[in-house]
């Protein structure tokens, strides 16, 4: 536990370092905090904070900088997001996110997040319900079956499943006819639930085949979730990153491959409101130098995607929270009006 004096000094140090990017010395800290304390007293407090792992002293300076743990305490206990501060962000973002095609809304949102934050903007496209209009099975060799799923829009998904039993083409036709006649137009999730209770009359192998087809159809849609990334080049101007090309390459690989980003944003979609990951806290994007601020967005009261800002630990968290929070609301509104 920190006393009020230590909390104030830590808060002041974090804010000063975020603003200036330079290690904060005792004399500068005393002036910024507006406290009548001797340099020796401040040094003692700084020593205590350093022992707690909240600040660190770089080799090149006598000043201190916050650690990931220090940022976390600052964000959790010392940061107050002023609601009146949201209006300038809202005015800046509103013209760029208007009702329209979902992919345009998502693209504009990613660009807006990047432009306003001067870091990297990320957003997942709205999840589509995996609905099928028609399904077919085609027998392949070695107990493999080709599953052909046609969506109501005419999109075709081809997936291969491996079966325990060998099926004749007439058995596959029987399974396809059952699914098409009973479940066409439903989501794969709805079909999955109904199959649990409604296929007892069929032979066990056929039931297993249909369940496997439905499972792989649902997985296919989730695998197509799109994440849009904008502003990766902004990290080149961040001093914490520009001096380490190896670190930069790893981060650009992260943005290129996108798999970890999708996992992180999926986890964030389960949160209520804005969520902040500092350093490697997410366990999904394990980069100690990065912080991520995310929020889910809703359409008609249902969470359909997540967006956020990725940047250095030394980011103005209050403004990032505002940007992410307002953008999530604007994206939800734009997609709702588009329906």
Protein backbone atom coordinates (compact mmCIF):
# COMPACT_ATOMS: atom_id res chain seq x y z
CA UNK A 1 0.00 0.00 0.00
CA UNK A 2 1.17 3.52 -0.83
CA UNK A 3 0.50 6.56 1.28
CA UNK A 4 -1.01 9.66 -0.32
CA UNK A 5 2.38 11.32 -0.80
CA UNK A 6 3.82 8.32 -2.63
CA UNK A 7 0.69 8.03 -4.79
CA UNK A 8 0.89 11.69 -5.78
CA UNK A 9 4.55 11.45 -6.65
CA UNK A 10 4.02 8.28 -8.69
CA UNK A 11 1.08 9.84 -10.52
CA UNK A 12 3.09 12.97 -11.24
CA UNK A 13 6.08 10.97 -12.43
CA UNK A 14 3.98 8.87 -14.82
CA UNK A 15 2.19 11.91 -16.24
CA UNK A 16 5.48 13.79 -16.65
CA UNK A 17 7.17 10.87 -18.38
CA UNK A 18 4.22 10.32 -20.73
CA UNK A 19 4.32 14.00 -21.68
CA UNK A 20 8.09 14.43 -22.08
CA UNK A 21 9.53 10.98 -22.66
CA UNK A 22 12.49 11.79 -20.41
CA UNK A 23 13.45 10.21 -17.06
CA UNK A 24 12.12 12.37 -14.24
CA UNK A 25 14.57 13.68 -11.61
CA UNK A 26 13.77 14.51 -8.00
CA UNK A 27 13.92 18.29 -8.47
CA UNK A 28 11.65 18.20 -11.54
CA UNK A 29 9.25 15.91 -9.70
CA UNK A 30 9.03 18.22 -6.68
CA UNK A 31 8.15 21.21 -8.88
CA UNK A 32 5.61 19.25 -10.96
CA UNK A 33 3.90 17.79 -7.90
CA UNK A 34 3.70 21.19 -6.20
CA UNK A 35 4.89 19.72 -2.91
CA UNK A 36 7.20 21.38 -0.42
CA UNK A 37 9.52 18.42 0.01
CA UNK A 38 13.26 18.27 0.27
CA UNK A 39 15.18 16.48 -2.50
CA UNK A 40 16.28 13.92 0.09
CA UNK A 41 12.68 13.13 1.04
CA UNK A 42 11.70 12.68 -2.59
CA UNK A 43 14.70 10.47 -3.20
CA UNK A 44 13.63 8.27 -0.29
CA UNK A 45 10.11 7.94 -1.71
CA UNK A 46 11.54 7.18 -5.13
CA UNK A 47 13.72 4.49 -3.59
CA UNK A 48 10.64 2.91 -1.99
CA UNK A 49 8.72 2.99 -5.28
CA UNK A 50 11.68 1.42 -7.03
CA UNK A 51 11.84 -1.40 -4.48
CA UNK A 52 8.15 -2.06 -5.14
CA UNK A 53 8.87 -2.40 -8.85
CA UNK A 54 6.76 0.62 -9.80
CA UNK A 55 9.58 2.73 -11.26
CA UNK A 56 13.07 2.09 -12.58
CA UNK A 57 16.26 4.07 -13.10
CA UNK A 58 17.74 3.86 -16.62
CA UNK A 59 21.48 3.38 -16.80
CA UNK A 60 21.99 6.67 -18.60
CA UNK A 61 20.16 8.93 -16.16
CA UNK A 62 19.63 9.62 -12.49
CA UNK A 63 15.93 10.16 -13.21
CA UNK A 64 13.23 7.51 -12.96
CA UNK A 65 10.72 6.09 -15.44
CA UNK A 66 7.56 4.01 -14.80
CA UNK A 67 7.62 0.23 -15.15
CA UNK A 68 4.72 -1.81 -16.57
CA UNK A 69 3.62 -2.38 -12.97
CA UNK A 70 3.78 1.36 -12.31
CA UNK A 71 1.66 2.09 -15.38
CA UNK A 72 -0.84 -0.53 -14.23
CA UNK A 73 -1.22 1.10 -10.81
CA UNK A 74 -1.54 4.51 -12.48
CA UNK A 75 -4.27 3.28 -14.86
CA UNK A 76 -6.18 1.32 -12.21
CA UNK A 77 -6.12 3.77 -9.30
CA UNK A 78 -5.04 7.23 -10.46
CA UNK A 79 -6.53 7.78 -13.89
CA UNK A 80 -9.84 9.60 -14.18
CA UNK A 81 -11.30 9.91 -17.66
CA UNK A 82 -13.19 13.16 -17.85
CA UNK A 83 -16.47 12.70 -19.69
CA UNK A 84 -16.36 16.28 -20.95
CA UNK A 85 -13.14 15.37 -22.72
CA UNK A 86 -15.04 13.06 -25.05
CA UNK A 87 -16.70 15.77 -27.10
CA UNK A 88 -13.63 16.91 -29.12
CA UNK A 89 -12.87 13.29 -30.02
CA UNK A 90 -16.48 12.72 -31.01
CA UNK A 91 -16.47 15.78 -33.24
CA UNK A 92 -13.26 14.61 -34.92
CA UNK A 93 -14.43 11.06 -35.55
CA UNK A 94 -18.08 11.53 -36.43
CA UNK A 95 -17.58 12.81 -40.02
CA UNK A 96 -15.41 9.80 -40.89
CA UNK A 97 -17.64 6.97 -39.70
CA UNK A 98 -21.00 7.08 -41.40
CA UNK A 99 -23.55 4.41 -42.16
CA UNK A 100 -22.55 2.44 -45.23
CA UNK A 101 -21.17 -0.88 -46.33
CA UNK A 102 -19.72 -2.69 -43.30
CA UNK A 103 -16.26 -3.05 -44.86
CA UNK A 104 -16.12 0.71 -45.46
CA UNK A 105 -17.17 1.44 -41.89
CA UNK A 106 -14.50 -0.93 -40.57
CA UNK A 107 -11.77 0.49 -42.82
CA UNK A 108 -12.64 4.08 -41.86
CA UNK A 109 -12.66 3.15 -38.17
CA UNK A 110 -9.18 1.59 -38.33
CA UNK A 111 -7.83 4.67 -40.12
CA UNK A 112 -9.53 6.97 -37.62
CA UNK A 113 -8.11 5.12 -34.62
CA UNK A 114 -4.62 5.34 -36.12
CA UNK A 115 -4.93 8.99 -37.11
CA UNK A 116 -6.26 10.17 -33.75
CA UNK A 117 -3.91 8.09 -31.61
CA UNK A 118 -0.83 8.38 -33.86
CA UNK A 119 -0.29 4.70 -33.08
CA UNK A 120 -1.77 1.53 -34.62
CA UNK A 121 -5.52 1.13 -35.03
CA UNK A 122 -7.04 -2.38 -35.15
CA UNK A 123 -10.62 -3.58 -35.56
CA UNK A 124 -12.31 -6.88 -36.26
CA UNK A 125 -15.05 -6.99 -38.87
CA UNK A 126 -18.53 -7.85 -37.60
CA UNK A 127 -19.02 -11.54 -37.03
CA UNK A 128 -21.31 -13.08 -39.59
CA UNK A 129 -23.78 -15.70 -38.49
CA UNK A 130 -22.85 -18.94 -40.23
CA UNK A 131 -26.10 -19.60 -42.09
CA UNK A 132 -26.36 -22.21 -44.82
CA UNK A 133 -28.87 -22.54 -47.66
CA UNK A 134 -27.66 -25.85 -49.05
CA UNK A 135 -25.16 -28.55 -48.14
CA UNK A 136 -23.72 -31.46 -50.12
CA UNK A 137 -21.35 -34.31 -49.31
CA UNK A 138 -18.96 -35.91 -51.77
CA UNK A 139 -17.04 -39.09 -50.91
CA UNK A 140 -13.28 -38.92 -51.30
CA UNK A 141 -10.67 -41.60 -50.71
CA UNK A 142 -9.27 -42.73 -47.34
CA UNK A 143 -12.39 -42.00 -45.28
CA UNK A 144 -12.45 -38.37 -46.29
CA UNK A 145 -15.61 -36.46 -47.18
CA UNK A 146 -15.81 -33.14 -49.02
CA UNK A 147 -18.42 -30.86 -47.47
CA UNK A 148 -19.85 -28.19 -49.78
CA UNK A 149 -21.75 -25.44 -47.95
CA UNK A 150 -23.63 -22.75 -49.85
CA UNK A 151 -24.67 -19.57 -48.01
CA UNK A 152 -27.89 -17.62 -48.66
CA UNK A 153 -25.76 -15.11 -50.59
CA UNK A 154 -24.38 -17.85 -52.84
CA UNK A 155 -20.93 -18.03 -51.24
CA UNK A 156 -19.47 -21.52 -51.37
CA UNK A 157 -17.32 -23.12 -48.66
CA UNK A 158 -15.45 -26.34 -49.40
CA UNK A 159 -14.13 -28.24 -46.40
CA UNK A 160 -12.76 -31.76 -45.96
CA UNK A 161 -13.58 -33.85 -42.91
CA UNK A 162 -12.04 -37.16 -41.84
CA UNK A 163 -14.55 -39.80 -40.78
CA UNK A 164 -14.32 -42.91 -38.61
CA UNK A 165 -16.51 -44.93 -40.98
CA UNK A 166 -16.63 -45.30 -44.75
CA UNK A 167 -19.82 -43.88 -46.33
CA UNK A 168 -21.46 -44.71 -49.63
CA UNK A 169 -22.64 -41.86 -51.80
CA UNK A 170 -26.26 -42.82 -51.08
CA UNK A 171 -25.62 -42.48 -47.33
CA UNK A 172 -24.05 -39.08 -47.90
CA UNK A 173 -27.07 -38.04 -49.99
CA UNK A 174 -29.37 -39.17 -47.17
CA UNK A 175 -27.49 -37.00 -44.67
CA UNK A 176 -27.45 -33.97 -47.00
CA UNK A 177 -31.18 -34.29 -47.74
CA UNK A 178 -31.97 -34.45 -44.01
CA UNK A 179 -29.96 -31.29 -43.29
CA UNK A 180 -31.33 -29.38 -46.29
CA UNK A 181 -34.96 -30.26 -45.62
CA UNK A 182 -34.91 -29.65 -41.86
CA UNK A 183 -32.34 -26.91 -41.24
CA UNK A 184 -31.81 -24.80 -44.37
CA UNK A 185 -31.77 -21.11 -43.44
CA UNK A 186 -30.67 -21.64 -39.83
CA UNK A 187 -27.31 -20.68 -38.35
CA UNK A 188 -24.79 -23.43 -37.80
CA UNK A 189 -25.03 -22.83 -34.05
CA UNK A 190 -28.79 -23.39 -34.15
CA UNK A 191 -28.35 -26.52 -36.23
CA UNK A 192 -25.73 -27.80 -33.80
CA UNK A 193 -28.11 -27.41 -30.86
CA UNK A 194 -31.04 -29.08 -32.64
CA UNK A 195 -28.94 -31.96 -33.90
CA UNK A 196 -28.21 -32.95 -30.31
CA UNK A 197 -31.84 -33.98 -29.86
CA UNK A 198 -33.18 -34.68 -33.32
CA UNK A 199 -30.88 -37.22 -34.97
CA UNK A 200 -31.53 -40.19 -32.70
CA UNK A 201 -33.64 -41.78 -35.41
CA UNK A 202 -30.69 -41.87 -37.78
CA UNK A 203 -27.83 -44.34 -37.71
CA UNK A 204 -25.01 -43.30 -35.40
CA UNK A 205 -22.41 -42.92 -38.12
CA UNK A 206 -24.65 -40.63 -40.17
CA UNK A 207 -25.40 -38.53 -37.07
CA UNK A 208 -21.68 -38.19 -36.38
CA UNK A 209 -21.09 -37.15 -39.99
CA UNK A 210 -23.70 -34.40 -39.81
CA UNK A 211 -22.39 -33.12 -36.49
CA UNK A 212 -18.86 -33.00 -37.90
CA UNK A 213 -20.07 -31.10 -40.98
CA UNK A 214 -21.92 -28.54 -38.86
CA UNK A 215 -18.92 -28.09 -36.57
CA UNK A 216 -16.54 -27.51 -39.44
CA UNK A 217 -18.99 -25.14 -41.11
CA UNK A 218 -19.18 -23.00 -37.98
CA UNK A 219 -15.39 -23.06 -37.60
CA UNK A 220 -15.00 -21.99 -41.22
CA UNK A 221 -16.89 -18.78 -40.64
CA UNK A 222 -14.96 -17.88 -37.50
CA UNK A 223 -11.70 -18.55 -39.34
CA UNK A 224 -12.70 -15.93 -41.87
CA UNK A 225 -13.01 -13.20 -39.23
CA UNK A 226 -11.20 -10.21 -40.62
CA UNK A 227 -9.01 -7.87 -38.64
CA UNK A 228 -8.09 -4.53 -40.23
CA UNK A 229 -4.83 -2.90 -39.12
CA UNK A 230 -3.90 0.71 -39.87
CA UNK A 231 -0.94 2.91 -38.99
CA UNK A 232 1.83 0.37 -38.44
CA UNK A 233 4.35 2.90 -39.76
CA UNK A 234 3.48 5.23 -36.88
CA UNK A 235 5.61 3.01 -34.65
CA UNK A 236 8.70 4.03 -36.64
CA UNK A 237 8.51 7.47 -35.04
CA UNK A 238 8.16 6.12 -31.49
CA UNK A 239 11.55 6.57 -29.83
CA UNK A 240 11.14 3.44 -27.69
CA UNK A 241 10.89 1.32 -30.83
CA UNK A 242 12.94 3.11 -33.48
CA UNK A 243 16.24 2.28 -31.75
CA UNK A 244 15.59 -1.49 -31.82
CA UNK A 245 15.07 -2.80 -35.34
CA UNK A 246 14.75 -6.38 -34.12
CA UNK A 247 11.85 -5.42 -31.88
CA UNK A 248 10.24 -3.48 -34.71
CA UNK A 249 10.44 -6.50 -37.01
CA UNK A 250 8.71 -8.69 -34.44
CA UNK A 251 5.93 -6.16 -34.09
CA UNK A 252 5.47 -5.84 -37.84
CA UNK A 253 5.29 -9.64 -38.01
CA UNK A 254 2.50 -9.46 -35.44
CA UNK A 255 0.53 -7.04 -37.60
CA UNK A 256 1.24 -9.05 -40.74
CA UNK A 257 0.17 -12.45 -39.40
CA UNK A 258 -2.83 -11.09 -37.46
CA UNK A 259 -3.61 -14.42 -35.75
CA UNK A 260 -2.50 -13.18 -32.31
CA UNK A 261 -4.40 -9.93 -32.82
CA UNK A 262 -7.62 -11.83 -33.54
CA UNK A 263 -7.14 -13.89 -30.38
CA UNK A 264 -6.51 -10.76 -28.30
CA UNK A 265 -9.54 -8.95 -29.72
CA UNK A 266 -11.70 -12.04 -29.21
CA UNK A 267 -10.72 -12.08 -25.54
CA UNK A 268 -11.42 -8.34 -25.28
CA UNK A 269 -14.91 -8.84 -26.75
CA UNK A 270 -15.84 -10.58 -23.49
CA UNK A 271 -15.05 -7.45 -21.47
CA UNK A 272 -17.57 -4.80 -20.51
CA UNK A 273 -16.29 -1.53 -21.96
CA UNK A 274 -12.71 -0.39 -22.39
CA UNK A 275 -9.93 -2.80 -21.44
CA UNK A 276 -6.22 -1.98 -21.11
CA UNK A 277 -3.32 -4.41 -21.47
CA UNK A 278 0.12 -3.13 -20.43
CA UNK A 279 3.28 -4.90 -21.48
CA UNK A 280 2.80 -8.64 -21.82
CA UNK A 281 -0.31 -8.75 -19.60
CA UNK A 282 -2.59 -10.09 -22.32
CA UNK A 283 -0.56 -13.32 -22.63
CA UNK A 284 -1.69 -13.19 -26.27
CA UNK A 285 0.47 -10.32 -27.51
CA UNK A 286 3.51 -10.92 -25.27
CA UNK A 287 5.48 -7.78 -26.05
CA UNK A 288 6.71 -5.99 -22.96
CA UNK A 289 7.07 -2.69 -24.81
CA UNK A 290 3.47 -2.59 -26.10
CA UNK A 291 0.23 -1.47 -24.53
CA UNK A 292 -3.20 -2.21 -26.00
CA UNK A 293 -6.44 -0.33 -25.33
CA UNK A 294 -9.55 -2.15 -26.61
CA UNK A 295 -13.33 -1.99 -26.50
CA UNK A 296 -16.09 -4.14 -28.03
CA UNK A 297 -18.70 -2.59 -30.31
CA UNK A 298 -22.34 -3.57 -30.53
CA UNK A 299 -25.07 -3.75 -33.15
CA UNK A 300 -28.62 -3.86 -31.80
CA UNK A 301 -27.35 -4.68 -28.32
CA UNK A 302 -25.18 -7.61 -29.44
CA UNK A 303 -21.37 -7.51 -29.39
CA UNK A 304 -20.22 -8.22 -32.95
CA UNK A 305 -16.59 -7.07 -32.94
CA UNK A 306 -13.75 -5.35 -31.12
CA UNK A 307 -11.48 -2.40 -31.87
CA UNK A 308 -8.47 -0.82 -30.23
CA UNK A 309 -5.22 1.07 -30.28
CA UNK A 310 -1.76 -0.52 -30.00
CA UNK A 311 1.21 1.62 -29.03
CA UNK A 312 4.06 2.02 -26.56
CA UNK A 313 3.62 1.76 -22.81
CA UNK A 314 4.32 5.49 -22.75
CA UNK A 315 0.98 6.47 -24.24
CA UNK A 316 -1.54 9.07 -23.01
CA UNK A 317 -3.97 6.53 -21.61
CA UNK A 318 -6.76 8.98 -20.83
CA UNK A 319 -6.95 10.12 -24.45
CA UNK A 320 -6.59 6.56 -25.80
CA UNK A 321 -9.54 5.47 -23.63
CA UNK A 322 -11.62 8.34 -25.00
CA UNK A 323 -10.70 7.58 -28.61
CA UNK A 324 -11.43 3.86 -28.31
CA UNK A 325 -14.65 4.31 -26.33
CA UNK A 326 -16.16 6.89 -28.67
CA UNK A 327 -15.07 5.08 -31.84
CA UNK A 328 -16.69 1.85 -30.60
CA UNK A 329 -19.99 3.70 -30.13
CA UNK A 330 -19.75 5.39 -33.55
CA UNK A 331 -18.98 2.10 -35.32
CA UNK A 332 -21.93 0.42 -33.60
CA UNK A 333 -24.25 3.25 -34.60
CA UNK A 334 -23.04 3.26 -38.22
CA UNK A 335 -23.50 -0.50 -38.60
CA UNK A 336 -26.92 -0.40 -36.93
CA UNK A 337 -28.14 2.32 -39.31
CA UNK A 338 -26.86 0.27 -42.21
CA UNK A 339 -29.14 -2.63 -41.40
